[in-house]
Amino acid sequence: MNTKRLISSYDEINDTFVGKIDGKNKYCADYSISDGIFLAIDNNNIPYSVFIENASNVFKISKTMLENSNVKITIDCDSIILSFNMFIEDLKICSIKSENRWGIPKINFLMDTNV
């Protein structure tokens, strides 16, 4: 599994969470992988960012929890299945496993704020 440093931020007023790989500047494709969850990847099939609108509602957690800076996101994808998991303080707050109906290329990645 590839690991990259994640820079995360949460906007309480707009209830949006953004996690971006440190040092990345461009993305190639953006996918809506679930209601309110968007995944951007670059032209090398490396995750660029995760954007979640209405994050407290999507995850059914408090806005205070989303302000925590200890975030990990795992993405495992092949031609058949996409698996997306998000952890805050090692507590799993989101787990999505679905058919890869978007044609997202093979990815096996950990985005971690503590790298």
N, C-alpha and C. Protein backbone atom coordinates (compact mmCIF):
# COMPACT_ATOMS: atom_id res chain seq x y z
N MET A 1 0.85 -1.18 0.00
CA MET A 1 0.00 0.00 0.00
C MET A 1 0.89 1.24 0.00
N ASN A 2 0.65 2.13 -0.94
CA ASN A 2 1.36 3.41 -0.98
C ASN A 2 0.80 4.32 0.10
N THR A 3 1.68 5.11 0.70
CA THR A 3 1.27 6.04 1.75
C THR A 3 1.77 7.44 1.42
N LYS A 4 0.90 8.41 1.58
CA LYS A 4 1.25 9.82 1.36
C LYS A 4 0.70 10.66 2.50
N ARG A 5 1.34 11.80 2.73
CA ARG A 5 0.91 12.72 3.78
C ARG A 5 -0.35 13.45 3.34
N LEU A 6 -1.35 13.43 4.22
CA LEU A 6 -2.63 14.08 3.98
C LEU A 6 -2.69 15.40 4.74
N ILE A 7 -3.11 16.44 4.06
CA ILE A 7 -3.40 17.72 4.70
C ILE A 7 -4.92 17.82 4.74
N SER A 8 -5.48 17.90 5.93
CA SER A 8 -6.95 17.92 6.04
C SER A 8 -7.41 19.25 6.62
N SER A 9 -8.63 19.64 6.21
CA SER A 9 -9.23 20.83 6.78
C SER A 9 -10.74 20.65 6.80
N TYR A 10 -11.35 21.29 7.76
CA TYR A 10 -12.80 21.23 7.89
C TYR A 10 -13.33 22.64 8.05
N ASP A 11 -14.33 22.99 7.25
CA ASP A 11 -14.99 24.29 7.31
C ASP A 11 -16.35 24.07 7.98
N GLU A 12 -16.44 24.48 9.25
CA GLU A 12 -17.65 24.25 10.04
C GLU A 12 -18.85 25.02 9.47
N ILE A 13 -18.64 26.23 9.00
CA ILE A 13 -19.75 27.04 8.48
C ILE A 13 -20.39 26.38 7.26
N ASN A 14 -19.56 25.91 6.32
CA ASN A 14 -20.08 25.28 5.11
C ASN A 14 -20.19 23.75 5.24
N ASP A 15 -19.75 23.21 6.39
CA ASP A 15 -19.80 21.77 6.67
C ASP A 15 -19.12 20.97 5.56
N THR A 16 -17.91 21.41 5.18
CA THR A 16 -17.16 20.70 4.15
C THR A 16 -15.81 20.22 4.70
N PHE A 17 -15.47 19.01 4.35
CA PHE A 17 -14.19 18.43 4.71
C PHE A 17 -13.38 18.28 3.42
N VAL A 18 -12.10 18.68 3.48
CA VAL A 18 -11.21 18.50 2.35
C VAL A 18 -9.93 17.85 2.87
N GLY A 19 -9.53 16.79 2.20
CA GLY A 19 -8.26 16.14 2.47
C GLY A 19 -7.48 16.13 1.17
N LYS A 20 -6.26 16.67 1.19
CA LYS A 20 -5.45 16.80 -0.02
C LYS A 20 -4.07 16.24 0.25
N ILE A 21 -3.51 15.55 -0.74
CA ILE A 21 -2.15 15.02 -0.62
C ILE A 21 -1.17 16.20 -0.62
N ASP A 22 -0.27 16.20 0.35
CA ASP A 22 0.73 17.25 0.47
C ASP A 22 1.61 17.30 -0.77
N GLY A 23 1.73 18.48 -1.36
CA GLY A 23 2.60 18.70 -2.51
C GLY A 23 1.96 18.48 -3.87
N LYS A 24 0.74 18.01 -3.92
CA LYS A 24 0.05 17.78 -5.20
C LYS A 24 -0.62 19.08 -5.64
N ASN A 25 -0.58 19.37 -6.96
CA ASN A 25 -1.15 20.61 -7.46
C ASN A 25 -2.22 20.42 -8.53
N LYS A 26 -2.26 19.27 -9.21
CA LYS A 26 -3.22 19.08 -10.29
C LYS A 26 -3.89 17.72 -10.17
N TYR A 27 -5.15 17.68 -10.59
CA TYR A 27 -5.81 16.39 -10.67
C TYR A 27 -6.29 16.16 -12.10
N CYS A 28 -6.51 14.91 -12.41
CA CYS A 28 -6.88 14.51 -13.77
C CYS A 28 -8.37 14.16 -13.85
N ALA A 29 -8.89 13.50 -12.82
CA ALA A 29 -10.28 13.05 -12.84
C ALA A 29 -10.89 13.19 -11.46
N ASP A 30 -12.18 13.48 -11.42
CA ASP A 30 -12.92 13.66 -10.18
C ASP A 30 -14.15 12.74 -10.22
N TYR A 31 -14.31 11.93 -9.18
CA TYR A 31 -15.39 10.95 -9.14
C TYR A 31 -16.28 11.18 -7.92
N SER A 32 -17.58 11.12 -8.10
CA SER A 32 -18.54 11.15 -7.01
C SER A 32 -18.77 9.70 -6.59
N ILE A 33 -18.05 9.24 -5.55
CA ILE A 33 -18.09 7.83 -5.18
C ILE A 33 -19.22 7.47 -4.24
N SER A 34 -19.87 8.48 -3.66
CA SER A 34 -21.01 8.27 -2.78
C SER A 34 -21.68 9.63 -2.60
N ASP A 35 -22.88 9.63 -2.06
CA ASP A 35 -23.58 10.90 -1.83
C ASP A 35 -22.71 11.84 -1.01
N GLY A 36 -22.24 12.91 -1.64
CA GLY A 36 -21.47 13.92 -0.95
C GLY A 36 -19.98 13.66 -0.86
N ILE A 37 -19.49 12.51 -1.34
CA ILE A 37 -18.07 12.18 -1.25
C ILE A 37 -17.47 12.15 -2.65
N PHE A 38 -16.44 12.98 -2.85
CA PHE A 38 -15.80 13.11 -4.15
C PHE A 38 -14.32 12.76 -4.03
N LEU A 39 -13.83 11.95 -4.96
CA LEU A 39 -12.43 11.53 -4.99
C LEU A 39 -11.80 12.05 -6.27
N ALA A 40 -10.68 12.75 -6.13
CA ALA A 40 -9.92 13.24 -7.28
C ALA A 40 -8.62 12.46 -7.35
N ILE A 41 -8.24 12.06 -8.57
CA ILE A 41 -6.97 11.38 -8.77
C ILE A 41 -6.16 12.12 -9.84
N ASP A 42 -4.84 11.92 -9.79
CA ASP A 42 -4.01 12.59 -10.79
C ASP A 42 -3.79 11.68 -11.99
N ASN A 43 -3.00 12.13 -12.95
CA ASN A 43 -2.79 11.35 -14.17
C ASN A 43 -1.92 10.12 -13.96
N ASN A 44 -1.35 9.93 -12.76
CA ASN A 44 -0.58 8.74 -12.41
C ASN A 44 -1.41 7.77 -11.56
N ASN A 45 -2.73 8.01 -11.50
CA ASN A 45 -3.66 7.18 -10.71
C ASN A 45 -3.36 7.23 -9.22
N ILE A 46 -2.89 8.36 -8.77
CA ILE A 46 -2.64 8.57 -7.34
C ILE A 46 -3.73 9.50 -6.82
N PRO A 47 -4.35 9.15 -5.71
CA PRO A 47 -5.37 10.05 -5.15
C PRO A 47 -4.78 11.43 -4.89
N TYR A 48 -5.51 12.43 -5.29
CA TYR A 48 -5.10 13.83 -5.13
C TYR A 48 -5.80 14.45 -3.93
N SER A 49 -7.15 14.23 -3.87
CA SER A 49 -7.90 14.81 -2.77
C SER A 49 -9.23 14.09 -2.57
N VAL A 50 -9.78 14.34 -1.40
CA VAL A 50 -11.13 13.88 -1.05
C VAL A 50 -11.89 15.11 -0.59
N PHE A 51 -13.08 15.30 -1.13
CA PHE A 51 -13.93 16.43 -0.77
C PHE A 51 -15.27 15.86 -0.31
N ILE A 52 -15.73 16.30 0.86
CA ILE A 52 -17.02 15.83 1.38
C ILE A 52 -17.87 17.03 1.73
N GLU A 53 -19.00 17.18 1.02
CA GLU A 53 -19.93 18.26 1.33
C GLU A 53 -20.95 17.74 2.32
N ASN A 54 -21.45 18.62 3.19
CA ASN A 54 -22.37 18.25 4.27
C ASN A 54 -21.78 17.10 5.09
N ALA A 55 -20.51 17.23 5.42
CA ALA A 55 -19.74 16.15 6.04
C ALA A 55 -20.35 15.62 7.33
N SER A 56 -20.83 16.49 8.20
CA SER A 56 -21.39 15.99 9.46
C SER A 56 -22.64 15.15 9.21
N ASN A 57 -23.41 15.49 8.19
CA ASN A 57 -24.59 14.69 7.84
C ASN A 57 -24.20 13.40 7.13
N VAL A 58 -23.24 13.47 6.23
CA VAL A 58 -22.80 12.29 5.49
C VAL A 58 -22.27 11.24 6.46
N PHE A 59 -21.45 11.66 7.44
CA PHE A 59 -20.84 10.73 8.38
C PHE A 59 -21.67 10.53 9.65
N LYS A 60 -22.66 11.38 9.84
CA LYS A 60 -23.50 11.32 11.05
C LYS A 60 -22.65 11.43 12.32
N ILE A 61 -21.77 12.44 12.30
CA ILE A 61 -20.93 12.74 13.46
C ILE A 61 -20.95 14.24 13.70
N SER A 62 -20.44 14.65 14.85
CA SER A 62 -20.45 16.06 15.22
C SER A 62 -19.42 16.85 14.41
N LYS A 63 -19.69 18.12 14.26
CA LYS A 63 -18.75 19.01 13.59
C LYS A 63 -17.44 19.11 14.37
N THR A 64 -17.52 19.00 15.69
CA THR A 64 -16.34 19.02 16.53
C THR A 64 -15.40 17.87 16.19
N MET A 65 -15.96 16.69 15.96
CA MET A 65 -15.16 15.52 15.60
C MET A 65 -14.43 15.76 14.27
N LEU A 66 -15.11 16.40 13.32
CA LEU A 66 -14.52 16.65 12.01
C LEU A 66 -13.37 17.66 12.06
N GLU A 67 -13.28 18.43 13.12
CA GLU A 67 -12.19 19.40 13.27
C GLU A 67 -10.89 18.75 13.72
N ASN A 68 -10.95 17.47 14.10
CA ASN A 68 -9.77 16.75 14.56
C ASN A 68 -8.76 16.61 13.41
N SER A 69 -7.49 16.76 13.71
CA SER A 69 -6.46 16.72 12.66
C SER A 69 -5.85 15.33 12.46
N ASN A 70 -6.25 14.33 13.24
CA ASN A 70 -5.72 12.97 13.10
C ASN A 70 -6.64 12.17 12.18
N VAL A 71 -6.37 12.23 10.87
CA VAL A 71 -7.24 11.63 9.86
C VAL A 71 -6.45 10.65 9.00
N LYS A 72 -7.07 9.51 8.70
CA LYS A 72 -6.51 8.53 7.76
C LYS A 72 -7.61 8.14 6.79
N ILE A 73 -7.24 8.03 5.53
CA ILE A 73 -8.18 7.59 4.50
C ILE A 73 -7.51 6.47 3.72
N THR A 74 -8.20 5.33 3.59
CA THR A 74 -7.69 4.25 2.77
C THR A 74 -8.58 4.11 1.54
N ILE A 75 -7.93 3.88 0.42
CA ILE A 75 -8.64 3.67 -0.84
C ILE A 75 -8.04 2.44 -1.49
N ASP A 76 -8.87 1.45 -1.73
CA ASP A 76 -8.44 0.23 -2.41
C ASP A 76 -9.42 -0.01 -3.54
N CYS A 77 -8.90 -0.06 -4.74
CA CYS A 77 -9.77 -0.12 -5.90
C CYS A 77 -9.15 -1.02 -6.96
N ASP A 78 -9.99 -1.81 -7.60
CA ASP A 78 -9.58 -2.55 -8.79
C ASP A 78 -10.68 -2.38 -9.82
N SER A 79 -10.66 -3.16 -10.86
CA SER A 79 -11.65 -2.98 -11.93
C SER A 79 -13.07 -3.37 -11.49
N ILE A 80 -13.19 -4.06 -10.34
CA ILE A 80 -14.50 -4.55 -9.89
C ILE A 80 -15.02 -3.81 -8.66
N ILE A 81 -14.19 -3.65 -7.64
CA ILE A 81 -14.63 -3.14 -6.33
C ILE A 81 -13.85 -1.88 -5.94
N LEU A 82 -14.56 -0.92 -5.34
CA LEU A 82 -13.96 0.25 -4.72
C LEU A 82 -14.23 0.17 -3.23
N SER A 83 -13.19 0.30 -2.44
CA SER A 83 -13.32 0.32 -0.99
C SER A 83 -12.72 1.63 -0.49
N PHE A 84 -13.51 2.40 0.26
CA PHE A 84 -13.09 3.69 0.80
C PHE A 84 -13.38 3.68 2.30
N ASN A 85 -12.37 3.96 3.12
CA ASN A 85 -12.54 4.02 4.57
C ASN A 85 -11.91 5.30 5.09
N MET A 86 -12.57 5.91 6.05
CA MET A 86 -12.02 7.12 6.67
C MET A 86 -12.05 6.96 8.18
N PHE A 87 -10.93 7.32 8.81
CA PHE A 87 -10.76 7.20 10.26
C PHE A 87 -10.40 8.57 10.82
N ILE A 88 -10.97 8.89 11.97
CA ILE A 88 -10.56 10.06 12.75
C ILE A 88 -10.21 9.55 14.13
N GLU A 89 -8.98 9.85 14.58
CA GLU A 89 -8.48 9.33 15.86
C GLU A 89 -8.64 7.81 15.93
N ASP A 90 -8.35 7.13 14.84
CA ASP A 90 -8.44 5.67 14.71
C ASP A 90 -9.85 5.11 14.86
N LEU A 91 -10.85 5.96 14.85
CA LEU A 91 -12.25 5.54 14.87
C LEU A 91 -12.77 5.57 13.44
N LYS A 92 -13.25 4.44 12.95
CA LYS A 92 -13.76 4.39 11.58
C LYS A 92 -15.07 5.15 11.52
N ILE A 93 -15.09 6.23 10.72
CA ILE A 93 -16.31 7.03 10.61
C ILE A 93 -17.02 6.82 9.28
N CYS A 94 -16.33 6.17 8.34
CA CYS A 94 -16.94 5.92 7.03
C CYS A 94 -16.34 4.67 6.42
N SER A 95 -17.20 3.83 5.88
CA SER A 95 -16.76 2.65 5.17
C SER A 95 -17.69 2.44 3.99
N ILE A 96 -17.12 2.55 2.79
CA ILE A 96 -17.90 2.36 1.57
C ILE A 96 -17.24 1.23 0.78
N LYS A 97 -18.03 0.28 0.40
CA LYS A 97 -17.55 -0.78 -0.49
C LYS A 97 -18.62 -0.94 -1.56
N SER A 98 -18.23 -0.69 -2.79
CA SER A 98 -19.21 -0.74 -3.87
C SER A 98 -18.56 -1.19 -5.17
N GLU A 99 -19.40 -1.47 -6.12
CA GLU A 99 -18.92 -1.80 -7.46
C GLU A 99 -18.21 -0.59 -8.04
N ASN A 100 -17.12 -0.82 -8.73
CA ASN A 100 -16.37 0.26 -9.38
C ASN A 100 -17.05 0.59 -10.70
N ARG A 101 -18.19 1.22 -10.62
CA ARG A 101 -18.95 1.56 -11.82
C ARG A 101 -18.45 2.83 -12.51
N TRP A 102 -17.44 3.48 -11.93
CA TRP A 102 -16.89 4.71 -12.49
C TRP A 102 -15.70 4.45 -13.39
N GLY A 103 -15.17 3.23 -13.37
CA GLY A 103 -13.96 2.93 -14.14
C GLY A 103 -12.70 3.52 -13.53
N ILE A 104 -12.71 3.70 -12.22
CA ILE A 104 -11.52 4.22 -11.53
C ILE A 104 -10.40 3.18 -11.66
N PRO A 105 -9.20 3.62 -12.01
CA PRO A 105 -8.10 2.68 -12.17
C PRO A 105 -7.67 2.05 -10.84
N LYS A 106 -6.83 1.04 -10.92
CA LYS A 106 -6.35 0.34 -9.74
C LYS A 106 -5.62 1.30 -8.80
N ILE A 107 -6.05 1.30 -7.55
CA ILE A 107 -5.46 2.15 -6.51
C ILE A 107 -5.39 1.35 -5.22
N ASN A 108 -4.28 1.44 -4.51
CA ASN A 108 -4.15 0.87 -3.16
C ASN A 108 -3.35 1.88 -2.37
N PHE A 109 -4.05 2.71 -1.60
CA PHE A 109 -3.45 3.93 -1.08
C PHE A 109 -3.90 4.24 0.34
N LEU A 110 -2.97 4.78 1.14
CA LEU A 110 -3.25 5.31 2.46
C LEU A 110 -2.88 6.78 2.47
N MET A 111 -3.85 7.62 2.81
CA MET A 111 -3.61 9.06 2.98
C MET A 111 -3.67 9.29 4.49
N ASP A 112 -2.57 9.80 5.08
CA ASP A 112 -2.46 9.87 6.53
C ASP A 112 -1.89 11.22 6.96
N THR A 113 -2.54 11.88 7.90
CA THR A 113 -2.06 13.17 8.38
C THR A 113 -0.82 13.01 9.26
N ASN A 114 -0.53 11.80 9.70
CA ASN A 114 0.60 11.58 10.63
C ASN A 114 1.85 11.01 9.97
N VAL A 115 1.93 11.13 8.65
CA VAL A 115 3.13 10.63 7.95
C VAL A 115 4.15 11.72 7.84
